[in-house]
């Protein structure tokens, strides 16, 4: 999936889990290592046992810097 997304030439965002108190998603540092990452913490209220309901860190992975989106157009309009 990563290779196809990069080959498309389009901007993309992929949502996946990053980590919780039990484990870490190693693919983020290997397969997706060239991406910009933003995190969002979620709490899961559903689970067979209450002790299994906990926080999960979501990772939003993208092939562009989200802080520069929109600034490119402003720069081009001034030229």
PDB file of N, CA and C in Angstrom:
ATOM      1  N   UNK A   1       0.828  -1.180   0.000  1.00  0.00           N
ATOM      2  CA  UNK A   1       0.000   0.000   0.000  1.00  0.00           C
ATOM      3  C   UNK A   1       0.885   1.261   0.000  1.00  0.00           C
ATOM      4  N   UNK A   2       1.930   1.267   0.814  1.00  0.00           N
ATOM      5  CA  UNK A   2       2.816   2.425   0.884  1.00  0.00           C
ATOM      6  C   UNK A   2       3.410   2.750  -0.477  1.00  0.00           C
ATOM      7  N   UNK A   3       3.932   1.749  -1.150  1.00  0.00           N
ATOM      8  CA  UNK A   3       4.560   1.976  -2.449  1.00  0.00           C
ATOM      9  C   UNK A   3       3.575   2.538  -3.466  1.00  0.00           C
ATOM     10  N   UNK A   4       2.359   2.017  -3.470  1.00  0.00           N
ATOM     11  CA  UNK A   4       1.340   2.500  -4.411  1.00  0.00           C
ATOM     12  C   UNK A   4       0.938   3.941  -4.099  1.00  0.00           C
ATOM     13  N   UNK A   5       0.826   4.263  -2.816  1.00  0.00           N
ATOM     14  CA  UNK A   5       0.488   5.641  -2.445  1.00  0.00           C
ATOM     15  C   UNK A   5       1.571   6.612  -2.899  1.00  0.00           C
ATOM     16  N   UNK A   6       2.820   6.278  -2.646  1.00  0.00           N
ATOM     17  CA  UNK A   6       3.911   7.152  -3.084  1.00  0.00           C
ATOM     18  C   UNK A   6       3.972   7.240  -4.610  1.00  0.00           C
ATOM     19  N   UNK A   7       3.760   6.137  -5.290  1.00  0.00           N
ATOM     20  CA  UNK A   7       3.821   6.121  -6.750  1.00  0.00           C
ATOM     21  C   UNK A   7       2.699   6.950  -7.382  1.00  0.00           C
ATOM     22  N   UNK A   8       1.597   7.121  -6.671  1.00  0.00           N
ATOM     23  CA  UNK A   8       0.464   7.873  -7.225  1.00  0.00           C
ATOM     24  C   UNK A   8       0.792   9.353  -7.406  1.00  0.00           C
ATOM     25  N   UNK A   9       1.738   9.876  -6.641  1.00  0.00           N
ATOM     26  CA  UNK A   9       2.074  11.290  -6.728  1.00  0.00           C
ATOM     27  C   UNK A   9       1.093  12.191  -5.990  1.00  0.00           C
ATOM     28  N   UNK A  10       0.056  11.619  -5.418  1.00  0.00           N
ATOM     29  CA  UNK A  10      -0.953  12.401  -4.696  1.00  0.00           C
ATOM     30  C   UNK A  10      -0.569  12.560  -3.232  1.00  0.00           C
ATOM     31  N   UNK A  11      -1.093  13.600  -2.592  1.00  0.00           N
ATOM     32  CA  UNK A  11      -0.940  13.719  -1.146  1.00  0.00           C
ATOM     33  C   UNK A  11      -1.849  12.684  -0.501  1.00  0.00           C
ATOM     34  N   UNK A  12      -1.365  12.080   0.581  1.00  0.00           N
ATOM     35  CA  UNK A  12      -2.198  11.084   1.256  1.00  0.00           C
ATOM     36  C   UNK A  12      -2.066  11.190   2.764  1.00  0.00           C
ATOM     37  N   UNK A  13      -3.089  10.677   3.448  1.00  0.00           N
ATOM     38  CA  UNK A  13      -3.093  10.517   4.898  1.00  0.00           C
ATOM     39  C   UNK A  13      -3.536   9.093   5.190  1.00  0.00           C
ATOM     40  N   UNK A  14      -2.789   8.413   6.033  1.00  0.00           N
ATOM     41  CA  UNK A  14      -3.127   7.058   6.460  1.00  0.00           C
ATOM     42  C   UNK A  14      -3.324   7.088   7.969  1.00  0.00           C
ATOM     43  N   UNK A  15      -4.407   6.505   8.428  1.00  0.00           N
ATOM     44  CA  UNK A  15      -4.669   6.408   9.855  1.00  0.00           C
ATOM     45  C   UNK A  15      -4.370   4.985  10.314  1.00  0.00           C
ATOM     46  N   UNK A  16      -3.600   4.868  11.392  1.00  0.00           N
ATOM     47  CA  UNK A  16      -3.277   3.560  11.953  1.00  0.00           C
ATOM     48  C   UNK A  16      -3.029   3.721  13.448  1.00  0.00           C
ATOM     49  N   UNK A  17      -2.909   2.652  14.140  1.00  0.00           N
ATOM     50  CA  UNK A  17      -2.597   2.747  15.569  1.00  0.00           C
ATOM     51  C   UNK A  17      -1.097   2.940  15.727  1.00  0.00           C
ATOM     52  N   UNK A  18      -0.705   3.716  16.716  1.00  0.00           N
ATOM     53  CA  UNK A  18       0.702   3.980  16.986  1.00  0.00           C
ATOM     54  C   UNK A  18       1.170   3.138  18.175  1.00  0.00           C
ATOM     55  N   UNK A  19       0.524   3.325  19.319  1.00  0.00           N
ATOM     56  CA  UNK A  19       0.931   2.562  20.493  1.00  0.00           C
ATOM     57  C   UNK A  19      -0.131   2.633  21.579  1.00  0.00           C
ATOM     58  N   UNK A  20      -0.010   1.713  22.506  1.00  0.00           N
ATOM     59  CA  UNK A  20      -0.773   1.764  23.745  1.00  0.00           C
ATOM     60  C   UNK A  20       0.163   1.326  24.865  1.00  0.00           C
ATOM     61  N   UNK A  21      -0.361   1.094  26.040  1.00  0.00           N
ATOM     62  CA  UNK A  21       0.536   0.766  27.150  1.00  0.00           C
ATOM     63  C   UNK A  21       1.130  -0.631  27.036  1.00  0.00           C
ATOM     64  N   UNK A  22       0.653  -1.425  26.084  1.00  0.00           N
ATOM     65  CA  UNK A  22       1.136  -2.797  25.937  1.00  0.00           C
ATOM     66  C   UNK A  22       2.120  -2.992  24.785  1.00  0.00           C
ATOM     67  N   UNK A  23       1.974  -2.212  23.722  1.00  0.00           N
ATOM     68  CA  UNK A  23       2.819  -2.438  22.543  1.00  0.00           C
ATOM     69  C   UNK A  23       2.896  -1.189  21.662  1.00  0.00           C
ATOM     70  N   UNK A  24       3.841  -1.240  20.717  1.00  0.00           N
ATOM     71  CA  UNK A  24       4.079  -0.144  19.772  1.00  0.00           C
ATOM     72  C   UNK A  24       4.051  -0.710  18.353  1.00  0.00           C
ATOM     73  N   UNK A  25       3.506   0.054  17.421  1.00  0.00           N
ATOM     74  CA  UNK A  25       3.429  -0.351  16.021  1.00  0.00           C
ATOM     75  C   UNK A  25       4.791  -0.117  15.359  1.00  0.00           C
ATOM     76  N   UNK A  26       5.562  -1.158  15.186  1.00  0.00           N
ATOM     77  CA  UNK A  26       6.910  -1.054  14.632  1.00  0.00           C
ATOM     78  C   UNK A  26       6.932  -0.671  13.155  1.00  0.00           C
ATOM     79  N   UNK A  27       5.829  -0.867  12.448  1.00  0.00           N
ATOM     80  CA  UNK A  27       5.774  -0.517  11.025  1.00  0.00           C
ATOM     81  C   UNK A  27       5.901   0.983  10.788  1.00  0.00           C
ATOM     82  N   UNK A  28       5.529   1.797  11.768  1.00  0.00           N
ATOM     83  CA  UNK A  28       5.624   3.244  11.595  1.00  0.00           C
ATOM     84  C   UNK A  28       7.081   3.666  11.438  1.00  0.00           C
ATOM     85  N   UNK A  29       7.967   3.036  12.171  1.00  0.00           N
ATOM     86  CA  UNK A  29       9.386   3.381  12.110  1.00  0.00           C
ATOM     87  C   UNK A  29      10.141   2.631  11.016  1.00  0.00           C
ATOM     88  N   UNK A  30       9.491   1.692  10.365  1.00  0.00           N
ATOM     89  CA  UNK A  30      10.161   0.946   9.294  1.00  0.00           C
ATOM     90  C   UNK A  30       9.488   1.230   7.955  1.00  0.00           C
ATOM     91  N   UNK A  31       8.309   0.714   7.749  1.00  0.00           N
ATOM     92  CA  UNK A  31       7.602   0.857   6.470  1.00  0.00           C
ATOM     93  C   UNK A  31       7.243   2.324   6.185  1.00  0.00           C
ATOM     94  N   UNK A  32       6.765   3.043   7.199  1.00  0.00           N
ATOM     95  CA  UNK A  32       6.265   4.403   7.009  1.00  0.00           C
ATOM     96  C   UNK A  32       7.247   5.463   7.493  1.00  0.00           C
ATOM     97  N   UNK A  33       8.519   5.150   7.638  1.00  0.00           N
ATOM     98  CA  UNK A  33       9.476   6.047   8.285  1.00  0.00           C
ATOM     99  C   UNK A  33       9.671   7.390   7.588  1.00  0.00           C
ATOM    100  N   UNK A  34       9.355   7.529   6.332  1.00  0.00           N
ATOM    101  CA  UNK A  34       9.528   8.805   5.637  1.00  0.00           C
ATOM    102  C   UNK A  34       8.354   9.757   5.773  1.00  0.00           C
ATOM    103  N   UNK A  35       7.328   9.347   6.468  1.00  0.00           N
ATOM    104  CA  UNK A  35       6.108  10.156   6.570  1.00  0.00           C
ATOM    105  C   UNK A  35       6.156  11.125   7.746  1.00  0.00           C
ATOM    106  N   UNK A  36       5.402  12.200   7.592  1.00  0.00           N
ATOM    107  CA  UNK A  36       5.139  13.090   8.718  1.00  0.00           C
ATOM    108  C   UNK A  36       4.079  12.407   9.572  1.00  0.00           C
ATOM    109  N   UNK A  37       4.162  12.587  10.891  1.00  0.00           N
ATOM    110  CA  UNK A  37       3.221  11.906  11.786  1.00  0.00           C
ATOM    111  C   UNK A  37       2.615  12.895  12.764  1.00  0.00           C
ATOM    112  N   UNK A  38       1.319  12.801  12.906  1.00  0.00           N
ATOM    113  CA  UNK A  38       0.580  13.532  13.936  1.00  0.00           C
ATOM    114  C   UNK A  38      -0.166  12.500  14.759  1.00  0.00           C
ATOM    115  N   UNK A  39      -0.209  12.690  16.063  1.00  0.00           N
ATOM    116  CA  UNK A  39      -0.868  11.725  16.939  1.00  0.00           C
ATOM    117  C   UNK A  39      -2.143  12.283  17.540  1.00  0.00           C
ATOM    118  N   UNK A  40      -3.064  11.364  17.807  1.00  0.00           N
ATOM    119  CA  UNK A  40      -4.316  11.685  18.481  1.00  0.00           C
ATOM    120  C   UNK A  40      -4.613  10.543  19.436  1.00  0.00           C
ATOM    121  N   UNK A  41      -4.834  10.870  20.695  1.00  0.00           N
ATOM    122  CA  UNK A  41      -5.133   9.836  21.672  1.00  0.00           C
ATOM    123  C   UNK A  41      -6.629   9.560  21.696  1.00  0.00           C
ATOM    124  N   UNK A  42      -6.976   8.282  21.780  1.00  0.00           N
ATOM    125  CA  UNK A  42      -8.375   7.848  21.842  1.00  0.00           C
ATOM    126  C   UNK A  42      -8.556   6.964  23.058  1.00  0.00           C
ATOM    127  N   UNK A  43      -9.750   6.984  23.603  1.00  0.00           N
ATOM    128  CA  UNK A  43     -10.101   6.038  24.659  1.00  0.00           C
ATOM    129  C   UNK A  43     -11.171   5.116  24.114  1.00  0.00           C
ATOM    130  N   UNK A  44     -10.945   3.829  24.269  1.00  0.00           N
ATOM    131  CA  UNK A  44     -11.917   2.851  23.798  1.00  0.00           C
ATOM    132  C   UNK A  44     -12.830   2.456  24.940  1.00  0.00           C
ATOM    133  N   UNK A  45     -14.127   2.720  24.780  1.00  0.00           N
ATOM    134  CA  UNK A  45     -15.119   2.436  25.804  1.00  0.00           C
ATOM    135  C   UNK A  45     -15.734   1.052  25.634  1.00  0.00           C
ATOM    136  N   UNK A  46     -15.321   0.333  24.608  1.00  0.00           N
ATOM    137  CA  UNK A  46     -15.874  -0.985  24.318  1.00  0.00           C
ATOM    138  C   UNK A  46     -14.783  -2.029  24.541  1.00  0.00           C
ATOM    139  N   UNK A  47     -15.149  -3.118  25.137  1.00  0.00           N
ATOM    140  CA  UNK A  47     -14.215  -4.209  25.372  1.00  0.00           C
ATOM    141  C   UNK A  47     -14.892  -5.268  26.215  1.00  0.00           C
ATOM    142  N   UNK A  48     -14.465  -6.497  26.074  1.00  0.00           N
ATOM    143  CA  UNK A  48     -15.090  -7.597  26.809  1.00  0.00           C
ATOM    144  C   UNK A  48     -14.961  -7.388  28.315  1.00  0.00           C
ATOM    145  N   UNK A  49     -13.816  -6.884  28.735  1.00  0.00           N
ATOM    146  CA  UNK A  49     -13.594  -6.624  30.159  1.00  0.00           C
ATOM    147  C   UNK A  49     -13.233  -5.154  30.343  1.00  0.00           C
ATOM    148  N   UNK A  50     -13.707  -4.575  31.399  1.00  0.00           N
ATOM    149  CA  UNK A  50     -13.453  -3.154  31.642  1.00  0.00           C
ATOM    150  C   UNK A  50     -11.962  -2.858  31.736  1.00  0.00           C
ATOM    151  N   UNK A  51     -11.178  -3.763  32.272  1.00  0.00           N
ATOM    152  CA  UNK A  51      -9.740  -3.529  32.395  1.00  0.00           C
ATOM    153  C   UNK A  51      -9.046  -3.462  31.033  1.00  0.00           C
ATOM    154  N   UNK A  52      -9.687  -3.994  29.991  1.00  0.00           N
ATOM    155  CA  UNK A  52      -9.116  -3.957  28.641  1.00  0.00           C
ATOM    156  C   UNK A  52      -9.469  -2.674  27.893  1.00  0.00           C
ATOM    157  N   UNK A  53     -10.296  -1.845  28.486  1.00  0.00           N
ATOM    158  CA  UNK A  53     -10.679  -0.581  27.854  1.00  0.00           C
ATOM    159  C   UNK A  53      -9.674   0.464  28.275  1.00  0.00           C
ATOM    160  N   UNK A  54      -8.920   0.933  27.307  1.00  0.00           N
ATOM    161  CA  UNK A  54      -7.846   1.865  27.660  1.00  0.00           C
ATOM    162  C   UNK A  54      -7.553   2.821  26.510  1.00  0.00           C
ATOM    163  N   UNK A  55      -6.532   3.645  26.708  1.00  0.00           N
ATOM    164  CA  UNK A  55      -6.137   4.618  25.696  1.00  0.00           C
ATOM    165  C   UNK A  55      -5.317   3.958  24.592  1.00  0.00           C
ATOM    166  N   UNK A  56      -5.511   4.470  23.394  1.00  0.00           N
ATOM    167  CA  UNK A  56      -4.745   4.040  22.228  1.00  0.00           C
ATOM    168  C   UNK A  56      -4.298   5.312  21.519  1.00  0.00           C
ATOM    169  N   UNK A  57      -3.051   5.356  21.114  1.00  0.00           N
ATOM    170  CA  UNK A  57      -2.541   6.497  20.365  1.00  0.00           C
ATOM    171  C   UNK A  57      -2.682   6.196  18.878  1.00  0.00           C
ATOM    172  N   UNK A  58      -3.445   7.025  18.185  1.00  0.00           N
ATOM    173  CA  UNK A  58      -3.615   6.903  16.734  1.00  0.00           C
ATOM    174  C   UNK A  58      -2.517   7.712  16.056  1.00  0.00           C
ATOM    175  N   UNK A  59      -2.029   7.224  14.929  1.00  0.00           N
ATOM    176  CA  UNK A  59      -1.052   7.949  14.130  1.00  0.00           C
ATOM    177  C   UNK A  59      -1.680   8.317  12.793  1.00  0.00           C
ATOM    178  N   UNK A  60      -1.602   9.585  12.442  1.00  0.00           N
ATOM    179  CA  UNK A  60      -1.984  10.035  11.110  1.00  0.00           C
ATOM    180  C   UNK A  60      -0.681  10.235  10.348  1.00  0.00           C
ATOM    181  N   UNK A  61      -0.469   9.418   9.337  1.00  0.00           N
ATOM    182  CA  UNK A  61       0.766   9.440   8.559  1.00  0.00           C
ATOM    183  C   UNK A  61       0.488  10.090   7.216  1.00  0.00           C
ATOM    184  N   UNK A  62       1.353  11.029   6.821  1.00  0.00           N
ATOM    185  CA  UNK A  62       1.133  11.723   5.554  1.00  0.00           C
ATOM    186  C   UNK A  62       2.455  11.985   4.858  1.00  0.00           C
ATOM    187  N   UNK A  63       2.374  12.107   3.541  1.00  0.00           N
ATOM    188  CA  UNK A  63       3.590  12.307   2.737  1.00  0.00           C
ATOM    189  C   UNK A  63       3.871  13.785   2.479  1.00  0.00           C
ATOM    190  N   UNK A  64       3.344  14.650   3.310  1.00  0.00           N
ATOM    191  CA  UNK A  64       3.575  16.090   3.191  1.00  0.00           C
ATOM    192  C   UNK A  64       3.550  16.692   4.590  1.00  0.00           C
ATOM    193  N   UNK A  65       4.104  17.872   4.723  1.00  0.00           N
ATOM    194  CA  UNK A  65       4.100  18.568   6.003  1.00  0.00           C
ATOM    195  C   UNK A  65       2.780  19.329   6.124  1.00  0.00           C
ATOM    196  N   UNK A  66       1.909  18.936   7.037  1.00  0.00           N
ATOM    197  CA  UNK A  66       0.596  19.588   7.125  1.00  0.00           C
ATOM    198  C   UNK A  66       0.681  21.055   7.540  1.00  0.00           C
ATOM    199  N   UNK A  67       1.798  21.465   8.113  1.00  0.00           N
ATOM    200  CA  UNK A  67       1.945  22.865   8.521  1.00  0.00           C
ATOM    201  C   UNK A  67       2.201  23.791   7.342  1.00  0.00           C
ATOM    202  N   UNK A  68       2.539  23.230   6.180  1.00  0.00           N
ATOM    203  CA  UNK A  68       2.804  24.058   5.006  1.00  0.00           C
ATOM    204  C   UNK A  68       1.657  24.056   4.004  1.00  0.00           C
ATOM    205  N   UNK A  69       0.622  23.282   4.244  1.00  0.00           N
ATOM    206  CA  UNK A  69      -0.515  23.224   3.313  1.00  0.00           C
ATOM    207  C   UNK A  69      -1.190  24.587   3.272  1.00  0.00           C
ATOM    208  N   UNK A  70      -1.430  25.064   2.095  1.00  0.00           N
ATOM    209  CA  UNK A  70      -2.055  26.370   1.909  1.00  0.00           C
ATOM    210  C   UNK A  70      -1.036  27.480   1.737  1.00  0.00           C
ATOM    211  N   UNK A  71       0.109  27.352   2.365  1.00  0.00           N
ATOM    212  CA  UNK A  71       1.150  28.370   2.245  1.00  0.00           C
ATOM    213  C   UNK A  71       1.777  28.339   0.860  1.00  0.00           C
ATOM    214  N   UNK A  72       1.792  27.156   0.218  1.00  0.00           N
ATOM    215  CA  UNK A  72       2.360  27.045  -1.124  1.00  0.00           C
ATOM    216  C   UNK A  72       1.573  27.911  -2.102  1.00  0.00           C
ATOM    217  N   UNK A  73       0.254  27.875  -1.997  1.00  0.00           N
ATOM    218  CA  UNK A  73      -0.585  28.645  -2.910  1.00  0.00           C
ATOM    219  C   UNK A  73      -0.366  30.142  -2.706  1.00  0.00           C
ATOM    220  N   UNK A  74      -0.241  30.568  -1.458  1.00  0.00           N
ATOM    221  CA  UNK A  74      -0.024  31.988  -1.176  1.00  0.00           C
ATOM    222  C   UNK A  74       1.292  32.454  -1.744  1.00  0.00           C
ATOM    223  N   UNK A  75       2.323  31.629  -1.640  1.00  0.00           N
ATOM    224  CA  UNK A  75       3.616  31.985  -2.191  1.00  0.00           C
ATOM    225  C   UNK A  75       3.556  32.100  -3.701  1.00  0.00           C
ATOM    226  N   UNK A  76       2.864  31.174  -4.351  1.00  0.00           N
ATOM    227  CA  UNK A  76       2.767  31.182  -5.817  1.00  0.00           C
ATOM    228  C   UNK A  76       1.967  32.380  -6.323  1.00  0.00           C
ATOM    229  N   UNK A  77       0.965  32.806  -5.555  1.00  0.00           N
ATOM    230  CA  UNK A  77       0.145  33.935  -5.981  1.00  0.00           C
ATOM    231  C   UNK A  77       0.939  35.242  -5.923  1.00  0.00           C
ATOM    232  N   UNK A  78       1.929  35.326  -5.072  1.00  0.00           N
ATOM    233  CA  UNK A  78       2.727  36.544  -4.942  1.00  0.00           C
ATOM    234  C   UNK A  78       3.801  36.659  -6.012  1.00  0.00           C
ATOM    235  N   UNK A  79       4.079  35.594  -6.736  1.00  0.00           N
ATOM    236  CA  UNK A  79       5.129  35.607  -7.772  1.00  0.00           C
ATOM    237  C   UNK A  79       4.605  36.053  -9.102  1.00  0.00           C
TER     238      UNK A  79
END
